[in-house]
N, C-alpha and C. Protein backbone atom coordinates (compact mmCIF):
# COMPACT_ATOMS: atom_id res chain seq x y z
N MET A 1 -4.68 5.75 5.28
CA MET A 1 -4.64 7.15 4.90
C MET A 1 -3.40 7.37 4.04
N ASP A 2 -3.56 8.14 2.97
CA ASP A 2 -2.40 8.40 2.13
C ASP A 2 -2.11 9.91 2.07
N THR A 3 -1.01 10.24 1.41
CA THR A 3 -0.55 11.63 1.39
C THR A 3 -1.57 12.57 0.74
N GLU A 4 -2.24 12.11 -0.32
CA GLU A 4 -3.24 12.96 -0.99
C GLU A 4 -4.44 13.25 -0.09
N GLU A 5 -4.85 12.26 0.70
CA GLU A 5 -5.97 12.48 1.63
C GLU A 5 -5.61 13.53 2.68
N ILE A 6 -4.40 13.43 3.21
CA ILE A 6 -3.95 14.40 4.21
C ILE A 6 -3.89 15.80 3.60
N LYS A 7 -3.33 15.89 2.40
CA LYS A 7 -3.24 17.19 1.71
C LYS A 7 -4.63 17.77 1.50
N LYS A 8 -5.59 16.93 1.09
CA LYS A 8 -6.96 17.40 0.85
C LYS A 8 -7.58 17.95 2.14
N VAL A 9 -7.42 17.23 3.25
CA VAL A 9 -7.96 17.68 4.54
C VAL A 9 -7.36 19.03 4.92
N LEU A 10 -6.05 19.17 4.78
CA LEU A 10 -5.39 20.42 5.15
C LEU A 10 -5.83 21.58 4.26
N MET A 11 -5.88 21.35 2.95
CA MET A 11 -6.24 22.41 2.02
C MET A 11 -7.70 22.85 2.19
N GLU A 12 -8.58 21.89 2.53
CA GLU A 12 -10.00 22.22 2.72
C GLU A 12 -10.27 22.93 4.04
N ASN A 13 -9.44 22.67 5.06
CA ASN A 13 -9.73 23.18 6.39
C ASN A 13 -8.88 24.37 6.83
N LEU A 14 -7.78 24.61 6.14
CA LEU A 14 -6.91 25.71 6.49
C LEU A 14 -6.70 26.60 5.27
N ALA A 15 -6.45 27.87 5.50
CA ALA A 15 -6.21 28.81 4.41
C ALA A 15 -4.75 28.72 3.99
N LEU A 16 -4.40 27.61 3.34
CA LEU A 16 -3.02 27.38 2.93
C LEU A 16 -2.81 27.74 1.47
N ASP A 17 -1.63 28.24 1.16
CA ASP A 17 -1.23 28.45 -0.23
C ASP A 17 -0.76 27.14 -0.82
N GLU A 18 -0.13 26.32 0.03
CA GLU A 18 0.47 25.08 -0.45
C GLU A 18 0.59 24.10 0.71
N ALA A 19 0.42 22.82 0.41
CA ALA A 19 0.66 21.76 1.38
C ALA A 19 1.42 20.66 0.66
N ILE A 20 2.55 20.29 1.20
CA ILE A 20 3.35 19.20 0.64
C ILE A 20 3.39 18.11 1.69
N VAL A 21 2.89 16.93 1.32
CA VAL A 21 2.80 15.82 2.27
C VAL A 21 3.60 14.66 1.70
N SER A 22 4.45 14.07 2.53
CA SER A 22 5.19 12.88 2.14
C SER A 22 5.11 11.87 3.27
N GLY A 23 5.54 10.66 2.98
CA GLY A 23 5.51 9.61 3.98
C GLY A 23 4.72 8.42 3.49
N ASP A 24 4.60 7.43 4.35
CA ASP A 24 3.84 6.24 3.99
C ASP A 24 3.36 5.53 5.25
N GLY A 25 2.47 4.59 5.07
CA GLY A 25 1.94 3.87 6.21
C GLY A 25 1.19 4.82 7.12
N SER A 26 1.73 5.06 8.29
CA SER A 26 1.09 5.98 9.23
C SER A 26 2.06 7.07 9.71
N HIS A 27 3.20 7.20 9.04
CA HIS A 27 4.21 8.20 9.38
C HIS A 27 4.32 9.21 8.23
N PHE A 28 4.05 10.48 8.55
CA PHE A 28 3.97 11.49 7.49
C PHE A 28 4.75 12.75 7.87
N GLN A 29 5.17 13.47 6.83
CA GLN A 29 5.82 14.76 6.98
C GLN A 29 4.97 15.77 6.20
N VAL A 30 4.73 16.92 6.83
CA VAL A 30 3.91 17.96 6.21
C VAL A 30 4.71 19.26 6.17
N ILE A 31 4.72 19.88 4.99
CA ILE A 31 5.17 21.26 4.86
C ILE A 31 3.93 22.06 4.51
N ALA A 32 3.57 22.99 5.38
CA ALA A 32 2.38 23.81 5.18
C ALA A 32 2.81 25.26 4.99
N VAL A 33 2.26 25.89 3.94
CA VAL A 33 2.62 27.26 3.62
C VAL A 33 1.36 28.11 3.58
N GLY A 34 1.34 29.18 4.38
CA GLY A 34 0.18 30.06 4.36
C GLY A 34 0.40 31.30 5.22
N SER A 35 -0.30 32.36 4.87
CA SER A 35 -0.21 33.62 5.62
C SER A 35 -0.74 33.47 7.04
N LEU A 36 -1.58 32.46 7.28
CA LEU A 36 -2.15 32.27 8.62
C LEU A 36 -1.09 32.01 9.67
N PHE A 37 0.13 31.61 9.27
CA PHE A 37 1.20 31.34 10.23
C PHE A 37 1.96 32.60 10.64
N ASP A 38 1.71 33.71 9.97
CA ASP A 38 2.41 34.96 10.26
C ASP A 38 2.14 35.40 11.69
N GLY A 39 3.19 35.57 12.45
CA GLY A 39 3.07 36.06 13.82
C GLY A 39 2.76 34.98 14.85
N LEU A 40 2.56 33.74 14.42
CA LEU A 40 2.27 32.66 15.37
C LEU A 40 3.58 32.02 15.85
N SER A 41 3.58 31.59 17.10
CA SER A 41 4.74 30.85 17.60
C SER A 41 4.80 29.50 16.89
N ARG A 42 5.93 28.85 16.96
CA ARG A 42 6.08 27.53 16.33
C ARG A 42 5.05 26.54 16.89
N VAL A 43 4.81 26.61 18.19
CA VAL A 43 3.82 25.72 18.82
C VAL A 43 2.43 25.98 18.25
N LYS A 44 2.05 27.25 18.14
CA LYS A 44 0.72 27.59 17.60
C LYS A 44 0.61 27.17 16.14
N GLN A 45 1.70 27.31 15.38
CA GLN A 45 1.68 26.87 13.98
C GLN A 45 1.40 25.37 13.91
N GLN A 46 2.09 24.60 14.74
CA GLN A 46 1.89 23.15 14.72
C GLN A 46 0.49 22.78 15.19
N GLN A 47 -0.01 23.46 16.22
CA GLN A 47 -1.37 23.18 16.69
C GLN A 47 -2.39 23.46 15.59
N THR A 48 -2.15 24.51 14.81
CA THR A 48 -3.05 24.86 13.71
C THR A 48 -3.11 23.74 12.68
N VAL A 49 -1.96 23.16 12.36
CA VAL A 49 -1.92 22.08 11.37
C VAL A 49 -2.48 20.78 11.96
N TYR A 50 -2.21 20.51 13.21
CA TYR A 50 -2.73 19.30 13.86
C TYR A 50 -4.26 19.29 13.93
N ALA A 51 -4.86 20.45 14.17
CA ALA A 51 -6.30 20.52 14.46
C ALA A 51 -7.19 19.75 13.48
N PRO A 52 -7.09 19.98 12.16
CA PRO A 52 -7.99 19.25 11.26
C PRO A 52 -7.63 17.77 11.10
N LEU A 53 -6.47 17.36 11.63
CA LEU A 53 -6.04 15.96 11.49
C LEU A 53 -6.25 15.14 12.76
N MET A 54 -6.79 15.76 13.81
CA MET A 54 -6.89 15.08 15.11
C MET A 54 -7.68 13.78 15.06
N GLU A 55 -8.77 13.73 14.30
CA GLU A 55 -9.56 12.50 14.26
C GLU A 55 -8.74 11.35 13.66
N TYR A 56 -7.86 11.67 12.70
CA TYR A 56 -7.03 10.64 12.06
C TYR A 56 -5.88 10.20 12.97
N ILE A 57 -5.43 11.13 13.80
CA ILE A 57 -4.40 10.79 14.80
C ILE A 57 -5.03 9.94 15.90
N ALA A 58 -6.23 10.32 16.32
CA ALA A 58 -6.92 9.61 17.40
C ALA A 58 -7.22 8.15 17.03
N ASP A 59 -7.60 7.91 15.77
CA ASP A 59 -7.92 6.53 15.38
C ASP A 59 -6.71 5.81 14.76
N ASN A 60 -5.52 6.43 14.89
CA ASN A 60 -4.24 5.84 14.50
C ASN A 60 -4.02 5.68 13.00
N ARG A 61 -4.84 6.35 12.18
CA ARG A 61 -4.54 6.35 10.74
C ARG A 61 -3.28 7.17 10.50
N ILE A 62 -3.04 8.15 11.38
CA ILE A 62 -1.78 8.87 11.39
C ILE A 62 -1.14 8.58 12.74
N HIS A 63 0.02 7.94 12.71
CA HIS A 63 0.70 7.60 13.96
C HIS A 63 1.75 8.65 14.31
N ALA A 64 2.49 9.10 13.31
CA ALA A 64 3.54 10.10 13.53
C ALA A 64 3.41 11.19 12.47
N LEU A 65 3.58 12.43 12.90
CA LEU A 65 3.42 13.56 11.99
C LEU A 65 4.49 14.60 12.29
N SER A 66 5.30 14.88 11.29
CA SER A 66 6.31 15.93 11.39
C SER A 66 5.80 17.13 10.61
N ILE A 67 5.82 18.31 11.23
CA ILE A 67 5.25 19.51 10.61
C ILE A 67 6.29 20.61 10.51
N LYS A 68 6.36 21.20 9.33
CA LYS A 68 7.12 22.43 9.12
C LYS A 68 6.14 23.43 8.53
N ALA A 69 5.96 24.55 9.20
CA ALA A 69 5.01 25.58 8.76
C ALA A 69 5.78 26.83 8.37
N TYR A 70 5.37 27.42 7.25
CA TYR A 70 6.03 28.61 6.72
C TYR A 70 5.00 29.65 6.29
N THR A 71 5.36 30.92 6.43
CA THR A 71 4.61 31.95 5.72
C THR A 71 5.08 31.89 4.27
N PRO A 72 4.32 32.47 3.34
CA PRO A 72 4.79 32.46 1.94
C PRO A 72 6.18 33.08 1.77
N GLU A 73 6.47 34.14 2.52
CA GLU A 73 7.78 34.78 2.43
C GLU A 73 8.89 33.85 2.92
N GLN A 74 8.64 33.18 4.06
CA GLN A 74 9.62 32.24 4.59
C GLN A 74 9.84 31.09 3.61
N TRP A 75 8.77 30.61 3.00
CA TRP A 75 8.87 29.49 2.07
C TRP A 75 9.68 29.88 0.83
N GLN A 76 9.46 31.09 0.31
CA GLN A 76 10.24 31.55 -0.84
C GLN A 76 11.74 31.55 -0.51
N ARG A 77 12.05 31.93 0.70
CA ARG A 77 13.45 31.99 1.12
C ARG A 77 14.03 30.60 1.41
N ASP A 78 13.24 29.73 2.04
CA ASP A 78 13.76 28.45 2.55
C ASP A 78 13.52 27.25 1.64
N ARG A 79 12.69 27.36 0.63
CA ARG A 79 12.35 26.18 -0.17
C ARG A 79 13.56 25.56 -0.86
N LYS A 80 14.52 26.38 -1.22
CA LYS A 80 15.72 25.83 -1.84
C LYS A 80 16.49 24.93 -0.86
N LEU A 81 16.45 25.31 0.41
CA LEU A 81 17.11 24.50 1.44
C LEU A 81 16.39 23.17 1.64
N GLN A 82 15.08 23.15 1.36
CA GLN A 82 14.28 21.94 1.53
C GLN A 82 14.35 21.04 0.30
N GLY A 83 14.95 21.54 -0.77
CA GLY A 83 15.07 20.74 -1.99
C GLY A 83 13.88 20.84 -2.92
N PHE A 84 13.13 21.96 -2.86
CA PHE A 84 11.95 22.13 -3.73
C PHE A 84 12.17 23.25 -4.71
């Protein structure tokens, strides 16, 4: 599994404005940006991103996944801190 495949799955299954995926092998980092995260706890945000990727986690194509979820407003404010 590569970063573009993960991005495609996330963009097709979630109402995201943006998905940035990095990593290699089976260890990946995801930055997900979308209004759907507004009002959700951090745990619920992560569960939302995990959901469409569960089959890939279950069969070990994704071994480790780090998730940062932002609303568009949070992303506008924090993206400079992330180096984007």
